[in-house]
Amino acid sequence: MNYCEFCNALPENSGNPNKAYHAEAYGFPIEGDNELFGRLVLEINQAGLSWTTILNKQAGFQTAYSGFDIAAVAAYTEADRERLLADAGIIRNRLKINAAIHNAQQILLLQQEYGSFKNWLDAHHPLALPQWVKLFKRHFKFVGGEIVNEFLMSTGYLKGAHVEDCPVYDKVLASGPKWAQRPNDV
């Protein structure tokens, strides 16, 4: 069973957070840098865990990481690292916490050069997944192939978030994901 089948089979009143995420967020383009950073933090933290666990802790992540404010996270100190390691509302993994802080610092550098994290992503689109992975590894920590793939699919840069017969597929397509644009539209 693929993710679309799983989510679409959940009852409408399901308390499972995948239902709303699949229908309202997964694959839809994201414009704001802080929201893009937030998605990257969530994808990194999902490594080795279920997506349901991450979605259940999403509000905790948002609170713990200053609303995913890139500049605030980039300025985190050792005291902030210790605070995050003690926060049961998130995944308490030192490598993932350090990656979030490092990645926020890297995004600030990309913003200086490109104007925004989104502009940096747009400037490199379209790339094949292996090229994206190399690019991400050059700038960020804790970004293997699966994390980069899910981040890019979930934010509309790579196709594959929804199967074509999923009821959400046409909504995603209408929202103008990067993968659906012709090269001269990019």
C-alpha atoms as a PDB file:
ATOM      1  CA  MET A   1       0.000   0.000   0.000  1.00  0.00           C
ATOM      2  CA  ASN A   2       1.430   3.405  -0.944  1.00  0.00           C
ATOM      3  CA  TYR A   3       1.134   6.561   1.177  1.00  0.00           C
ATOM      4  CA  CYS A   4      -1.828   7.900  -0.809  1.00  0.00           C
ATOM      5  CA  GLU A   5      -3.775   4.650  -0.413  1.00  0.00           C
ATOM      6  CA  PHE A   6      -2.970   4.543   3.296  1.00  0.00           C
ATOM      7  CA  CYS A   7      -4.048   8.140   3.926  1.00  0.00           C
ATOM      8  CA  ASN A   8      -7.131   8.017   1.718  1.00  0.00           C
ATOM      9  CA  ALA A   9      -8.287   4.861   3.532  1.00  0.00           C
ATOM     10  CA  LEU A  10      -8.223   6.650   6.901  1.00  0.00           C
ATOM     11  CA  PRO A  11     -11.686   7.737   8.090  1.00  0.00           C
ATOM     12  CA  GLU A  12     -12.533  11.430   7.708  1.00  0.00           C
ATOM     13  CA  ASN A  13     -12.624  11.905  11.472  1.00  0.00           C
ATOM     14  CA  SER A  14      -9.360  10.049  11.939  1.00  0.00           C
ATOM     15  CA  GLY A  15      -7.030  11.351  14.609  1.00  0.00           C
ATOM     16  CA  ASN A  16      -4.128  10.126  12.506  1.00  0.00           C
ATOM     17  CA  PRO A  17      -2.096  13.227  11.535  1.00  0.00           C
ATOM     18  CA  ASN A  18      -1.167  11.680   8.172  1.00  0.00           C
ATOM     19  CA  LYS A  19      -4.717  12.306   6.892  1.00  0.00           C
ATOM     20  CA  ALA A  20      -4.452  16.103   7.063  1.00  0.00           C
ATOM     21  CA  TYR A  21      -0.744  16.234   6.141  1.00  0.00           C
ATOM     22  CA  HIS A  22      -1.362  14.175   2.993  1.00  0.00           C
ATOM     23  CA  ALA A  23      -4.376  16.233   1.928  1.00  0.00           C
ATOM     24  CA  GLU A  24      -3.143  19.726   2.832  1.00  0.00           C
ATOM     25  CA  ALA A  25       0.669  19.829   2.917  1.00  0.00           C
ATOM     26  CA  TYR A  26       2.459  16.932   1.243  1.00  0.00           C
ATOM     27  CA  GLY A  27       3.706  17.912  -2.213  1.00  0.00           C
ATOM     28  CA  PHE A  28       2.322  21.442  -2.137  1.00  0.00           C
ATOM     29  CA  PRO A  29       4.835  24.226  -2.867  1.00  0.00           C
ATOM     30  CA  ILE A  30       6.175  26.172   0.094  1.00  0.00           C
ATOM     31  CA  GLU A  31       7.081  29.814  -0.384  1.00  0.00           C
ATOM     32  CA  GLY A  32       8.499  30.923   2.962  1.00  0.00           C
ATOM     33  CA  ASP A  33      12.053  30.198   4.024  1.00  0.00           C
ATOM     34  CA  ASN A  34      11.139  29.491   7.642  1.00  0.00           C
ATOM     35  CA  GLU A  35       8.498  26.994   6.544  1.00  0.00           C
ATOM     36  CA  LEU A  36      10.976  25.343   4.160  1.00  0.00           C
ATOM     37  CA  PHE A  37      13.491  25.152   6.997  1.00  0.00           C
ATOM     38  CA  GLY A  38      10.813  23.671   9.250  1.00  0.00           C
ATOM     39  CA  ARG A  39      10.084  20.957   6.710  1.00  0.00           C
ATOM     40  CA  LEU A  40      13.805  20.193   6.432  1.00  0.00           C
ATOM     41  CA  VAL A  41      14.061  19.895  10.230  1.00  0.00           C
ATOM     42  CA  LEU A  42      11.095  17.504  10.274  1.00  0.00           C
ATOM     43  CA  GLU A  43      12.473  15.381   7.428  1.00  0.00           C
ATOM     44  CA  ILE A  44      15.873  15.116   9.121  1.00  0.00           C
ATOM     45  CA  ASN A  45      14.244  14.086  12.382  1.00  0.00           C
ATOM     46  CA  GLN A  46      12.161  11.422  10.665  1.00  0.00           C
ATOM     47  CA  ALA A  47      15.287   9.421   9.783  1.00  0.00           C
ATOM     48  CA  GLY A  48      14.921   6.047  11.478  1.00  0.00           C
ATOM     49  CA  LEU A  49      11.456   6.848  12.812  1.00  0.00           C
ATOM     50  CA  SER A  50       7.895   6.828  11.527  1.00  0.00           C
ATOM     51  CA  TRP A  51       6.459   9.907   9.876  1.00  0.00           C
ATOM     52  CA  THR A  52       3.472   9.594  12.220  1.00  0.00           C
ATOM     53  CA  THR A  53       5.817  10.129  15.185  1.00  0.00           C
ATOM     54  CA  ILE A  54       7.173  13.293  13.569  1.00  0.00           C
ATOM     55  CA  LEU A  55       3.722  14.638  12.709  1.00  0.00           C
ATOM     56  CA  ASN A  56       2.570  13.998  16.287  1.00  0.00           C
ATOM     57  CA  LYS A  57       5.539  16.031  17.513  1.00  0.00           C
ATOM     58  CA  GLN A  58       5.315  18.754  14.851  1.00  0.00           C
ATOM     59  CA  ALA A  59       3.946  21.395  17.240  1.00  0.00           C
ATOM     60  CA  GLY A  60       6.659  20.498  19.726  1.00  0.00           C
ATOM     61  CA  PHE A  61       9.324  20.953  17.071  1.00  0.00           C
ATOM     62  CA  GLN A  62       7.882  24.302  16.061  1.00  0.00           C
ATOM     63  CA  THR A  63       7.908  25.534  19.657  1.00  0.00           C
ATOM     64  CA  ALA A  64      11.339  24.087  20.494  1.00  0.00           C
ATOM     65  CA  TYR A  65      12.925  25.539  17.357  1.00  0.00           C
ATOM     66  CA  SER A  66      11.614  29.102  17.783  1.00  0.00           C
ATOM     67  CA  GLY A  67       8.806  28.721  15.250  1.00  0.00           C
ATOM     68  CA  PHE A  68      11.440  27.522  12.748  1.00  0.00           C
ATOM     69  CA  ASP A  69      12.838  31.048  12.622  1.00  0.00           C
ATOM     70  CA  ILE A  70      16.085  30.501  10.734  1.00  0.00           C
ATOM     71  CA  ALA A  71      17.988  33.420  12.269  1.00  0.00           C
ATOM     72  CA  ALA A  72      16.955  32.461  15.791  1.00  0.00           C
ATOM     73  CA  VAL A  73      17.986  28.808  15.339  1.00  0.00           C
ATOM     74  CA  ALA A  74      21.260  29.829  13.684  1.00  0.00           C
ATOM     75  CA  ALA A  75      22.116  31.787  16.838  1.00  0.00           C
ATOM     76  CA  TYR A  76      21.479  28.885  19.232  1.00  0.00           C
ATOM     77  CA  THR A  77      24.101  28.383  21.901  1.00  0.00           C
ATOM     78  CA  GLU A  78      25.261  25.358  23.838  1.00  0.00           C
ATOM     79  CA  ALA A  79      22.517  26.141  26.369  1.00  0.00           C
ATOM     80  CA  ASP A  80      19.952  25.859  23.558  1.00  0.00           C
ATOM     81  CA  ARG A  81      21.424  22.510  22.512  1.00  0.00           C
ATOM     82  CA  GLU A  82      21.064  21.246  26.074  1.00  0.00           C
ATOM     83  CA  ARG A  83      17.503  22.596  26.241  1.00  0.00           C
ATOM     84  CA  LEU A  84      16.630  20.720  23.047  1.00  0.00           C
ATOM     85  CA  LEU A  85      18.255  17.519  24.293  1.00  0.00           C
ATOM     86  CA  ALA A  86      16.007  17.697  27.377  1.00  0.00           C
ATOM     87  CA  ASP A  87      12.788  18.463  25.444  1.00  0.00           C
ATOM     88  CA  ALA A  88      10.529  15.389  25.349  1.00  0.00           C
ATOM     89  CA  GLY A  89       8.323  17.168  22.789  1.00  0.00           C
ATOM     90  CA  ILE A  90      10.898  16.579  20.038  1.00  0.00           C
ATOM     91  CA  ILE A  91      13.380  13.917  18.958  1.00  0.00           C
ATOM     92  CA  ARG A  92      16.289  14.252  21.365  1.00  0.00           C
ATOM     93  CA  ASN A  93      19.163  13.281  19.120  1.00  0.00           C
ATOM     94  CA  ARG A  94      22.344  15.353  19.360  1.00  0.00           C
ATOM     95  CA  LEU A  95      23.303  14.787  15.703  1.00  0.00           C
ATOM     96  CA  LYS A  96      19.899  15.918  14.479  1.00  0.00           C
ATOM     97  CA  ILE A  97      19.857  18.933  16.802  1.00  0.00           C
ATOM     98  CA  ASN A  98      23.348  19.956  15.719  1.00  0.00           C
ATOM     99  CA  ALA A  99      22.319  19.495  12.077  1.00  0.00           C
ATOM    100  CA  ALA A 100      19.301  21.803  12.513  1.00  0.00           C
ATOM    101  CA  ILE A 101      21.499  24.552  13.966  1.00  0.00           C
ATOM    102  CA  HIS A 102      24.227  24.101  11.357  1.00  0.00           C
ATOM    103  CA  ASN A 103      21.664  24.011   8.543  1.00  0.00           C
ATOM    104  CA  ALA A 104      20.052  27.228   9.780  1.00  0.00           C
ATOM    105  CA  GLN A 105      23.485  28.869   9.675  1.00  0.00           C
ATOM    106  CA  GLN A 106      24.012  27.578   6.143  1.00  0.00           C
ATOM    107  CA  ILE A 107      20.622  28.870   5.033  1.00  0.00           C
ATOM    108  CA  LEU A 108      21.567  32.324   6.317  1.00  0.00           C
ATOM    109  CA  LEU A 109      24.620  32.206   4.031  1.00  0.00           C
ATOM    110  CA  LEU A 110      22.477  31.080   1.094  1.00  0.00           C
ATOM    111  CA  GLN A 111      20.030  33.905   1.818  1.00  0.00           C
ATOM    112  CA  GLN A 112      22.893  36.406   1.642  1.00  0.00           C
ATOM    113  CA  GLU A 113      23.911  35.082  -1.758  1.00  0.00           C
ATOM    114  CA  TYR A 114      20.522  34.265  -3.301  1.00  0.00           C
ATOM    115  CA  GLY A 115      18.094  36.463  -1.378  1.00  0.00           C
ATOM    116  CA  SER A 116      16.260  33.463   0.089  1.00  0.00           C
ATOM    117  CA  PHE A 117      16.485  29.728   0.648  1.00  0.00           C
ATOM    118  CA  LYS A 118      13.642  29.336  -1.842  1.00  0.00           C
ATOM    119  CA  ASN A 119      15.584  31.332  -4.448  1.00  0.00           C
ATOM    120  CA  TRP A 120      18.540  28.986  -3.918  1.00  0.00           C
ATOM    121  CA  LEU A 121      16.284  25.962  -4.467  1.00  0.00           C
ATOM    122  CA  ASP A 122      14.700  27.602  -7.519  1.00  0.00           C
ATOM    123  CA  ALA A 123      18.120  28.507  -8.974  1.00  0.00           C
ATOM    124  CA  HIS A 124      19.111  24.832  -8.984  1.00  0.00           C
ATOM    125  CA  HIS A 125      15.818  23.432 -10.294  1.00  0.00           C
ATOM    126  CA  PRO A 126      15.469  21.157 -12.169  1.00  0.00           C
ATOM    127  CA  LEU A 127      18.058  18.637 -11.055  1.00  0.00           C
ATOM    128  CA  ALA A 128      17.919  14.868 -10.869  1.00  0.00           C
ATOM    129  CA  LEU A 129      17.854  13.474  -7.337  1.00  0.00           C
ATOM    130  CA  PRO A 130      21.547  12.425  -7.292  1.00  0.00           C
ATOM    131  CA  GLN A 131      22.548  15.990  -8.217  1.00  0.00           C
ATOM    132  CA  TRP A 132      20.265  17.417  -5.527  1.00  0.00           C
ATOM    133  CA  VAL A 133      21.801  15.081  -2.954  1.00  0.00           C
ATOM    134  CA  LYS A 134      25.335  16.191  -3.872  1.00  0.00           C
ATOM    135  CA  LEU A 135      24.264  19.833  -3.672  1.00  0.00           C
ATOM    136  CA  PHE A 136      22.583  19.387  -0.288  1.00  0.00           C
ATOM    137  CA  LYS A 137      25.563  17.471   1.100  1.00  0.00           C
ATOM    138  CA  ARG A 138      27.826  20.324   0.045  1.00  0.00           C
ATOM    139  CA  HIS A 139      25.862  22.753   2.240  1.00  0.00           C
ATOM    140  CA  PHE A 140      23.967  20.841   4.908  1.00  0.00           C
ATOM    141  CA  LYS A 141      24.383  18.123   7.525  1.00  0.00           C
ATOM    142  CA  PHE A 142      22.327  14.963   7.995  1.00  0.00           C
ATOM    143  CA  VAL A 143      20.987  15.005   4.432  1.00  0.00           C
ATOM    144  CA  GLY A 144      21.184  11.614   2.762  1.00  0.00           C
ATOM    145  CA  GLY A 145      19.315  10.560  -0.345  1.00  0.00           C
ATOM    146  CA  GLU A 146      16.054   9.666   1.362  1.00  0.00           C
ATOM    147  CA  ILE A 147      15.900  12.888   3.388  1.00  0.00           C
ATOM    148  CA  VAL A 148      16.674  15.052   0.344  1.00  0.00           C
ATOM    149  CA  ASN A 149      14.157  13.123  -1.770  1.00  0.00           C
ATOM    150  CA  GLU A 150      11.362  13.478   0.790  1.00  0.00           C
ATOM    151  CA  PHE A 151      12.148  17.131   1.422  1.00  0.00           C
ATOM    152  CA  LEU A 152      12.033  17.938  -2.294  1.00  0.00           C
ATOM    153  CA  MET A 153       8.918  15.832  -2.976  1.00  0.00           C
ATOM    154  CA  SER A 154       7.109  17.248   0.041  1.00  0.00           C
ATOM    155  CA  THR A 155       7.815  20.826  -1.067  1.00  0.00           C
ATOM    156  CA  GLY A 156       6.938  20.383  -4.750  1.00  0.00           C
ATOM    157  CA  TYR A 157      10.426  20.245  -6.287  1.00  0.00           C
ATOM    158  CA  LEU A 158      10.341  16.556  -7.220  1.00  0.00           C
ATOM    159  CA  LYS A 159       7.403  14.565  -8.507  1.00  0.00           C
ATOM    160  CA  GLY A 160       6.146  11.603  -6.540  1.00  0.00           C
ATOM    161  CA  ALA A 161       4.345  12.879  -3.462  1.00  0.00           C
ATOM    162  CA  HIS A 162       1.026  11.588  -4.816  1.00  0.00           C
ATOM    163  CA  VAL A 163       0.080   8.907  -7.292  1.00  0.00           C
ATOM    164  CA  GLU A 164      -1.849  10.277 -10.261  1.00  0.00           C
ATOM    165  CA  ASP A 165      -5.151   8.645  -9.263  1.00  0.00           C
ATOM    166  CA  CYS A 166      -5.018  10.151  -5.758  1.00  0.00           C
ATOM    167  CA  PRO A 167      -7.737  12.773  -5.215  1.00  0.00           C
ATOM    168  CA  VAL A 168      -5.078  15.198  -3.917  1.00  0.00           C
ATOM    169  CA  TYR A 169      -2.850  14.890  -7.014  1.00  0.00           C
ATOM    170  CA  ASP A 170      -4.890  17.410  -9.053  1.00  0.00           C
ATOM    171  CA  LYS A 171      -4.895  19.887  -6.139  1.00  0.00           C
ATOM    172  CA  VAL A 172      -1.116  19.656  -5.899  1.00  0.00           C
ATOM    173  CA  LEU A 173      -0.815  20.051  -9.678  1.00  0.00           C
ATOM    174  CA  ALA A 174      -3.074  23.138  -9.579  1.00  0.00           C
ATOM    175  CA  SER A 175      -0.878  24.664  -6.857  1.00  0.00           C
ATOM    176  CA  GLY A 176       2.020  24.929  -9.330  1.00  0.00           C
ATOM    177  CA  PRO A 177       4.724  22.599  -8.053  1.00  0.00           C
ATOM    178  CA  LYS A 178       8.167  23.154  -9.564  1.00  0.00           C
ATOM    179  CA  TRP A 179       8.299  19.643 -11.011  1.00  0.00           C
ATOM    180  CA  ALA A 180       5.274  20.372 -13.218  1.00  0.00           C
ATOM    181  CA  GLN A 181       6.734  23.519 -14.772  1.00  0.00           C
ATOM    182  CA  ARG A 182       8.276  23.401 -18.206  1.00  0.00           C
ATOM    183  CA  PRO A 183      12.010  24.232 -18.196  1.00  0.00           C
ATOM    184  CA  ASN A 184      11.385  27.625 -19.819  1.00  0.00           C
ATOM    185  CA  ASP A 185       8.826  28.416 -17.061  1.00  0.00           C
ATOM    186  CA  VAL A 186      11.430  27.925 -14.350  1.00  0.00           C
END
